[in-house]
Amino acid sequence: MAKFDAKSFNPQAFGKYVERIPKTKKNELIKSGVLKGNKEIRDAFSSQTGTAYAVLPMYGRIGGKVQNYDGETDMDPQGSTTYERGVVVVGRMGSWVEKDFSTDITGGVDFMDNVAAQVSEYFEDVDQDTLLAILKGIFAMTGAKNLEFVNNHTFDITEEEGEKSKAGATTLNSAIQKASGDKKAKFTMAIMHSTVATNLENLQLLAYLKYTDANGVQRDLTLASWNGRIVLIDDNMPTEEVEASEGVEAHIKYTTYLLGDGAIDYENIGAKVPFEMDRDPKTNGGQDTLYARQRKVFAPYGISYTKKSQAKLSPTDEELANGANWELVHDAGTGASRKYIDDKQIYIARIISKG
């Protein structure tokens, strides 16, 4: 068993311990229903050693015009469409070296708790960067059908005048209706910049969830809701500075992402050795290094990863953000006969506003 500053290090136990550490961002995504497990994805990558990319079947909905049952009319059976969907495993890793780590850094705090918390928080931020890159990529898609999704699922109010260019009472509802029509109730979460959140707070449109403690005192949680949807506030949300031009003052465009039930399939595929320690007694009088690795799949429902512009087996965030690597799921047909998924079934949208 490896040693870490003279402490026993069990990589399996450490991995399980990391998973038990609360992950605020990802946990809220999971609780909202946005991230959803997918057995087909897990089976594809668990049963094929070394696989980093797979094309999976995605079954379409049955359709066809209903017929009159009158005892005379013959039935006209209709088939269903099977689409193809590309999914990719995103591999990430990190390592940290410390001298006299336990004494100098933890300050007497329990080793496992302190280190696991930091690793957990680190990869939580890594996962969010991955998700943001994916969202940027799917809204950068080109091509006629792909642009139908981009345009239908983008609610840009920056051209409006005055306060109408900022998120307000009707913005969320209008955005999700534009994206998914009568299925708008599927949207469960909004992730926004603090500027947008503050504006909504000032309008008394953002409500913070409450809980009652053991003494019966009601307190506010840091988690908010907007029109009944969970709100995560994060200043890593995309912003764009727009310079002043004729008749237009300089301003900032803020992107708020809206996500719905089952919007993103998620599977933790795992690495052969997720965590390991190395003790170097010579360098700097003795130092320890923690190595961490992860392989995960984040696959937006109804959108396929094409791998058209990817250099290595795991895509970088820049490659995930490249619209050339994404397209709407289709049946692999050619030309005018190609059938695409109905973009209203994709519960991903964005609001672009001045605040």
Protein backbone atom coordinates (compact mmCIF):
# COMPACT_ATOMS: atom_id res chain seq x y z
CA MET A 1 0.00 0.00 0.00
CA ALA A 2 1.37 3.41 -0.99
CA LYS A 3 2.34 5.93 1.68
CA PHE A 4 1.52 9.63 1.77
CA ASP A 5 3.63 11.55 4.30
CA ALA A 6 3.89 8.31 6.27
CA LYS A 7 0.11 7.79 6.03
CA SER A 8 -1.33 4.74 4.30
CA PHE A 9 -2.98 5.57 0.97
CA ASN A 10 -5.63 3.24 -0.44
CA PRO A 11 -6.58 4.50 -3.95
CA GLN A 12 -9.91 2.63 -4.02
CA ALA A 13 -10.96 3.98 -0.63
CA PHE A 14 -9.78 7.45 -1.59
CA GLY A 15 -11.83 7.36 -4.80
CA LYS A 16 -14.98 6.39 -2.92
CA TYR A 17 -14.26 9.09 -0.36
CA VAL A 18 -13.95 11.74 -3.09
CA GLU A 19 -17.32 10.68 -4.50
CA ARG A 20 -18.95 11.19 -1.10
CA ILE A 21 -17.78 14.79 -0.85
CA PRO A 22 -20.70 17.14 -1.67
CA LYS A 23 -20.42 18.57 -5.19
CA THR A 24 -22.64 21.64 -5.22
CA LYS A 25 -22.68 22.39 -8.93
CA LYS A 26 -22.99 18.87 -10.28
CA ASN A 27 -25.31 17.74 -7.51
CA GLU A 28 -27.74 20.54 -8.31
CA LEU A 29 -27.59 19.62 -11.98
CA ILE A 30 -28.37 16.01 -11.13
CA LYS A 31 -31.16 16.92 -8.70
CA SER A 32 -32.74 19.17 -11.33
CA GLY A 33 -32.95 16.21 -13.71
CA VAL A 34 -30.65 17.88 -16.26
CA LEU A 35 -27.97 15.17 -16.09
CA LYS A 36 -29.39 11.73 -16.78
CA GLY A 37 -27.70 8.34 -16.81
CA ASN A 38 -27.67 6.37 -20.05
CA LYS A 39 -27.11 2.60 -19.91
CA GLU A 40 -26.37 2.33 -23.64
CA ILE A 41 -23.53 4.82 -23.31
CA ARG A 42 -22.13 3.05 -20.26
CA ASP A 43 -22.35 -0.37 -21.94
CA ALA A 44 -20.70 0.92 -25.12
CA PHE A 45 -17.62 2.15 -23.32
CA SER A 46 -17.47 -0.51 -20.61
CA SER A 47 -17.52 -3.47 -23.00
CA GLN A 48 -15.01 -2.16 -25.53
CA THR A 49 -11.53 -1.75 -24.10
CA GLY A 50 -9.90 1.46 -25.24
CA THR A 51 -12.99 2.88 -26.92
CA ALA A 52 -13.13 6.68 -26.80
CA TYR A 53 -15.88 7.36 -29.36
CA ALA A 54 -19.03 5.51 -30.32
CA VAL A 55 -21.99 5.93 -32.66
CA LEU A 56 -25.14 4.71 -30.94
CA PRO A 57 -28.65 4.16 -32.27
CA MET A 58 -31.24 6.62 -31.03
CA TYR A 59 -34.81 5.54 -31.57
CA GLY A 60 -37.32 7.97 -33.02
CA ARG A 61 -40.97 8.29 -32.08
CA ILE A 62 -43.68 6.47 -34.00
CA GLY A 63 -45.96 8.55 -36.19
CA GLY A 64 -48.20 8.34 -39.20
CA LYS A 65 -51.75 9.49 -39.84
CA VAL A 66 -54.38 7.66 -37.81
CA GLN A 67 -56.82 5.64 -39.92
CA ASN A 68 -60.52 5.12 -39.65
CA TYR A 69 -61.51 1.75 -38.18
CA ASP A 70 -64.67 1.06 -40.18
CA GLY A 71 -64.40 -2.59 -41.06
CA GLU A 72 -63.51 -1.84 -44.69
CA THR A 73 -60.29 0.16 -44.73
CA ASP A 74 -57.01 -1.77 -44.85
CA MET A 75 -54.35 -0.73 -42.36
CA ASP A 76 -51.29 1.10 -43.70
CA PRO A 77 -48.44 0.23 -41.28
CA GLN A 78 -45.89 2.97 -40.59
CA GLY A 79 -42.27 2.43 -39.64
CA SER A 80 -40.25 4.34 -37.07
CA THR A 81 -37.00 6.16 -37.70
CA THR A 82 -33.74 5.12 -36.07
CA TYR A 83 -31.23 7.95 -35.72
CA GLU A 84 -27.47 7.79 -35.16
CA ARG A 85 -25.77 9.69 -32.37
CA GLY A 86 -22.05 10.16 -31.84
CA VAL A 87 -20.79 10.35 -28.25
CA VAL A 88 -17.25 10.93 -27.02
CA VAL A 89 -15.41 10.22 -23.78
CA VAL A 90 -13.76 13.29 -22.29
CA GLY A 91 -10.59 12.43 -20.39
CA ARG A 92 -9.08 14.83 -17.89
CA MET A 93 -6.26 14.54 -15.35
CA GLY A 94 -4.45 16.56 -12.72
CA SER A 95 -1.56 16.12 -10.32
CA TRP A 96 -0.33 17.98 -7.26
CA VAL A 97 2.99 17.85 -5.48
CA GLU A 98 3.55 19.10 -1.95
CA LYS A 99 6.42 19.15 0.53
CA ASP A 100 5.42 18.08 4.01
CA PHE A 101 1.84 18.25 2.77
CA SER A 102 0.08 16.93 5.83
CA THR A 103 1.74 19.34 8.27
CA ASP A 104 2.11 22.49 6.18
CA ILE A 105 -1.15 22.45 4.24
CA THR A 106 -3.77 20.63 6.24
CA GLY A 107 -2.80 22.29 9.51
CA GLY A 108 -3.95 19.28 11.45
CA VAL A 109 -7.14 18.83 9.44
CA ASP A 110 -7.98 15.22 8.66
CA PHE A 111 -5.87 14.21 5.64
CA MET A 112 -8.52 12.29 3.72
CA ASP A 113 -11.22 14.90 4.23
CA ASN A 114 -9.02 17.84 3.29
CA VAL A 115 -7.42 16.35 0.19
CA ALA A 116 -10.61 14.68 -1.07
CA ALA A 117 -12.53 17.95 -0.72
CA GLN A 118 -9.96 19.79 -2.82
CA VAL A 119 -9.84 17.12 -5.52
CA SER A 120 -13.63 16.96 -5.60
CA GLU A 121 -13.95 20.74 -6.00
CA TYR A 122 -11.22 20.77 -8.63
CA PHE A 123 -12.94 18.22 -10.86
CA GLU A 124 -16.32 19.84 -10.26
CA ASP A 125 -14.91 22.97 -11.88
CA VAL A 126 -13.35 20.83 -14.63
CA ASP A 127 -16.74 19.25 -15.36
CA GLN A 128 -18.41 22.64 -15.53
CA ASP A 129 -15.78 23.86 -18.00
CA THR A 130 -16.53 20.78 -20.11
CA LEU A 131 -20.27 21.47 -20.03
CA LEU A 132 -19.78 25.13 -20.95
CA ALA A 133 -17.54 24.15 -23.87
CA ILE A 134 -20.18 21.69 -25.10
CA LEU A 135 -22.94 24.28 -24.84
CA LYS A 136 -20.81 26.79 -26.72
CA GLY A 137 -20.14 24.19 -29.40
CA ILE A 138 -23.75 23.20 -30.04
CA PHE A 139 -24.76 26.85 -30.38
CA ALA A 140 -21.93 27.32 -32.89
CA MET A 141 -23.27 24.65 -35.26
CA THR A 142 -23.75 25.54 -38.91
CA GLY A 143 -25.84 24.09 -41.71
CA ALA A 144 -29.55 24.63 -42.40
CA LYS A 145 -31.10 22.12 -39.98
CA ASN A 146 -28.52 22.78 -37.27
CA LEU A 147 -29.20 26.52 -37.53
CA GLU A 148 -32.91 25.85 -37.01
CA PHE A 149 -31.99 24.55 -33.56
CA VAL A 150 -29.60 27.43 -32.87
CA ASN A 151 -32.14 30.08 -33.87
CA ASN A 152 -35.18 28.46 -32.25
CA HIS A 153 -33.35 27.89 -28.99
CA THR A 154 -31.77 31.35 -28.75
CA PHE A 155 -33.75 34.21 -27.21
CA ASP A 156 -31.75 37.36 -27.85
CA ILE A 157 -33.19 40.57 -26.39
CA THR A 158 -30.08 42.75 -26.65
CA GLU A 159 -31.58 44.73 -29.54
CA GLU A 160 -34.53 45.81 -27.39
CA GLU A 161 -34.56 49.30 -25.90
CA GLY A 162 -33.85 50.20 -22.27
CA GLU A 163 -34.87 47.72 -19.59
CA LYS A 164 -36.45 45.46 -22.19
CA SER A 165 -32.93 44.41 -23.18
CA LYS A 166 -32.44 42.90 -19.71
CA ALA A 167 -33.92 39.70 -18.30
CA GLY A 168 -37.35 40.38 -16.86
CA ALA A 169 -40.66 38.91 -15.80
CA THR A 170 -41.51 37.30 -19.15
CA THR A 171 -38.05 36.47 -20.48
CA LEU A 172 -37.70 32.91 -19.22
CA ASN A 173 -41.19 31.84 -20.19
CA SER A 174 -40.85 33.34 -23.68
CA ALA A 175 -37.46 31.72 -24.23
CA ILE A 176 -38.51 28.18 -23.32
CA GLN A 177 -41.77 28.50 -25.28
CA LYS A 178 -39.81 29.55 -28.35
CA ALA A 179 -37.52 26.55 -27.90
CA SER A 180 -39.96 23.76 -27.11
CA GLY A 181 -43.51 25.05 -27.43
CA ASP A 182 -45.99 23.10 -25.33
CA LYS A 183 -43.12 21.04 -23.87
CA LYS A 184 -41.65 24.10 -22.14
CA ALA A 185 -42.44 22.63 -18.71
CA LYS A 186 -39.54 20.20 -19.29
CA PHE A 187 -37.07 23.01 -18.55
CA THR A 188 -35.92 22.78 -14.93
CA MET A 189 -32.79 24.92 -14.53
CA ALA A 190 -31.17 28.23 -15.46
CA ILE A 191 -27.45 28.98 -15.07
CA MET A 192 -26.67 32.69 -15.12
CA HIS A 193 -24.07 35.37 -14.42
CA SER A 194 -24.39 37.23 -11.10
CA THR A 195 -25.18 40.45 -13.00
CA VAL A 196 -28.29 38.84 -14.47
CA ALA A 197 -29.21 37.34 -11.10
CA THR A 198 -28.79 40.68 -9.35
CA ASN A 199 -31.04 42.37 -11.89
CA LEU A 200 -33.71 39.72 -11.29
CA GLU A 201 -33.30 40.11 -7.53
CA ASN A 202 -33.82 43.86 -7.81
CA LEU A 203 -37.02 43.17 -9.71
CA GLN A 204 -38.00 40.68 -6.97
CA LEU A 205 -38.20 37.94 -9.59
CA LEU A 206 -35.56 35.70 -8.05
CA ALA A 207 -36.70 33.80 -4.97
CA TYR A 208 -34.29 32.05 -2.65
CA LEU A 209 -35.35 28.66 -1.39
CA LYS A 210 -35.86 28.38 2.35
CA TYR A 211 -35.43 25.75 5.03
CA THR A 212 -36.46 25.52 8.65
CA ASP A 213 -33.73 24.64 11.14
CA ALA A 214 -34.01 22.46 14.24
CA ASN A 215 -35.15 25.47 16.28
CA GLY A 216 -38.01 26.24 13.91
CA VAL A 217 -36.27 29.29 12.43
CA GLN A 218 -36.72 29.74 8.69
CA ARG A 219 -33.58 30.67 6.77
CA ASP A 220 -32.70 31.42 3.15
CA LEU A 221 -30.64 28.93 1.16
CA THR A 222 -28.08 30.11 -1.38
CA LEU A 223 -30.10 28.30 -4.04
CA ALA A 224 -32.58 30.44 -5.94
CA SER A 225 -35.48 29.86 -8.31
CA TRP A 226 -36.84 31.82 -11.26
CA ASN A 227 -40.37 31.08 -12.39
CA GLY A 228 -40.07 27.78 -10.54
CA ARG A 229 -36.77 26.77 -12.16
CA ILE A 230 -33.62 26.17 -10.12
CA VAL A 231 -31.04 28.90 -10.64
CA LEU A 232 -27.29 28.44 -10.42
CA ILE A 233 -25.31 31.69 -10.30
CA ASP A 234 -21.84 31.54 -11.78
CA ASP A 235 -19.68 34.30 -13.23
CA ASN A 236 -18.08 31.81 -15.61
CA MET A 237 -21.15 32.10 -17.82
CA PRO A 238 -20.31 33.54 -21.26
CA THR A 239 -20.08 37.30 -21.67
CA GLU A 240 -19.28 39.44 -24.71
CA GLU A 241 -18.13 43.05 -24.58
CA VAL A 242 -19.67 45.12 -27.37
CA GLU A 243 -17.93 48.35 -28.29
CA ALA A 244 -19.87 51.56 -28.82
CA SER A 245 -21.02 52.26 -32.36
CA GLU A 246 -23.29 54.78 -34.03
CA GLY A 247 -26.41 55.06 -31.90
CA VAL A 248 -25.38 52.18 -29.63
CA GLU A 249 -23.61 52.53 -26.30
CA ALA A 250 -20.93 50.07 -25.25
CA HIS A 251 -22.47 47.16 -23.36
CA ILE A 252 -21.96 43.58 -22.27
CA LYS A 253 -23.98 40.64 -23.56
CA TYR A 254 -24.71 37.96 -20.95
CA THR A 255 -25.64 34.39 -21.85
CA THR A 256 -27.97 32.46 -19.54
CA TYR A 257 -28.33 28.76 -20.27
CA LEU A 258 -31.66 27.02 -19.75
CA LEU A 259 -31.59 23.25 -19.34
CA GLY A 260 -34.39 20.73 -19.07
CA ASP A 261 -35.24 17.28 -17.84
CA GLY A 262 -32.81 14.78 -19.39
CA ALA A 263 -31.10 17.45 -21.48
CA ILE A 264 -27.67 15.86 -21.09
CA ASP A 265 -26.79 12.17 -20.79
CA TYR A 266 -24.00 11.69 -18.27
CA GLU A 267 -21.85 8.69 -17.46
CA ASN A 268 -18.68 8.41 -15.41
CA ILE A 269 -16.78 5.85 -17.48
CA GLY A 270 -13.81 5.75 -15.13
CA ALA A 271 -10.07 5.32 -15.58
CA LYS A 272 -7.93 2.23 -14.92
CA VAL A 273 -6.20 4.03 -12.04
CA PRO A 274 -8.26 7.08 -11.02
CA PHE A 275 -6.01 8.00 -8.06
CA GLU A 276 -2.49 7.11 -7.06
CA MET A 277 0.32 8.46 -4.89
CA ASP A 278 4.06 8.67 -5.41
CA ARG A 279 6.61 9.29 -2.68
CA ASP A 280 9.91 10.95 -3.67
CA PRO A 281 12.16 11.02 -0.60
CA LYS A 282 15.04 12.79 -2.37
CA THR A 283 13.63 15.91 -4.06
CA ASN A 284 13.26 18.94 -1.79
CA GLY A 285 14.09 16.72 1.15
CA GLY A 286 11.02 14.60 0.48
CA GLN A 287 7.76 15.26 -1.34
CA ASP A 288 4.57 13.47 -2.30
CA THR A 289 2.56 13.65 -5.51
CA LEU A 290 -1.11 12.85 -5.95
CA TYR A 291 -2.20 11.86 -9.47
CA ALA A 292 -5.87 11.92 -10.53
CA ARG A 293 -7.58 10.88 -13.76
CA GLN A 294 -11.17 10.77 -14.98
CA ARG A 295 -13.07 9.77 -18.13
CA LYS A 296 -16.64 11.00 -18.49
CA VAL A 297 -19.33 11.36 -21.12
CA PHE A 298 -21.53 14.45 -21.35
CA ALA A 299 -23.84 13.93 -24.34
CA PRO A 300 -26.57 16.49 -25.15
CA TYR A 301 -29.80 14.73 -26.01
CA GLY A 302 -30.63 14.95 -29.71
CA ILE A 303 -27.23 16.30 -30.70
CA SER A 304 -24.41 14.20 -32.11
CA TYR A 305 -20.67 14.66 -31.65
CA THR A 306 -19.03 14.15 -35.05
CA LYS A 307 -15.30 14.25 -34.18
CA LYS A 308 -14.66 16.08 -37.47
CA SER A 309 -12.08 18.36 -35.89
CA GLN A 310 -10.42 16.42 -33.07
CA ALA A 311 -6.70 15.71 -32.96
CA LYS A 312 -6.42 13.09 -30.21
CA LEU A 313 -8.56 10.44 -28.54
CA SER A 314 -9.94 12.84 -25.93
CA PRO A 315 -11.28 16.21 -27.10
CA THR A 316 -9.99 19.44 -25.59
CA ASP A 317 -12.42 22.09 -24.37
CA GLU A 318 -11.55 24.10 -27.48
CA GLU A 319 -12.56 21.16 -29.68
CA LEU A 320 -15.78 20.65 -27.73
CA ALA A 321 -16.55 24.35 -28.29
CA ASN A 322 -16.03 24.00 -32.05
CA GLY A 323 -19.38 23.93 -33.83
CA ALA A 324 -17.88 21.76 -36.60
CA ASN A 325 -17.84 18.85 -34.15
CA TRP A 326 -21.60 18.88 -33.55
CA GLU A 327 -24.76 18.29 -35.54
CA LEU A 328 -28.40 17.43 -34.94
CA VAL A 329 -29.06 13.72 -34.66
CA HIS A 330 -30.21 12.25 -37.99
CA ASP A 331 -30.86 8.89 -39.65
CA ALA A 332 -27.61 8.91 -41.70
CA GLY A 333 -29.60 9.44 -44.90
CA THR A 334 -28.24 11.61 -47.68
CA GLY A 335 -29.49 14.78 -49.31
CA ALA A 336 -33.15 15.72 -49.05
CA SER A 337 -34.10 12.26 -47.73
CA ARG A 338 -32.17 12.74 -44.49
CA LYS A 339 -34.44 12.84 -41.44
CA TYR A 340 -33.51 14.91 -38.38
CA ILE A 341 -34.78 14.84 -34.82
CA ASP A 342 -37.37 17.49 -34.00
CA ASP A 343 -35.38 20.22 -32.25
CA LYS A 344 -38.33 20.91 -29.91
CA GLN A 345 -37.39 17.66 -28.16
CA ILE A 346 -34.03 19.16 -27.16
CA TYR A 347 -34.42 20.93 -23.83
CA ILE A 348 -31.44 23.22 -24.12
CA ALA A 349 -31.83 26.95 -24.75
CA ARG A 350 -30.10 30.25 -24.06
CA ILE A 351 -31.06 33.81 -23.27
CA ILE A 352 -28.77 36.60 -24.44
CA SER A 353 -29.39 39.86 -22.59
CA LYS A 354 -27.69 43.04 -21.38
CA GLY A 355 -28.25 42.03 -17.78
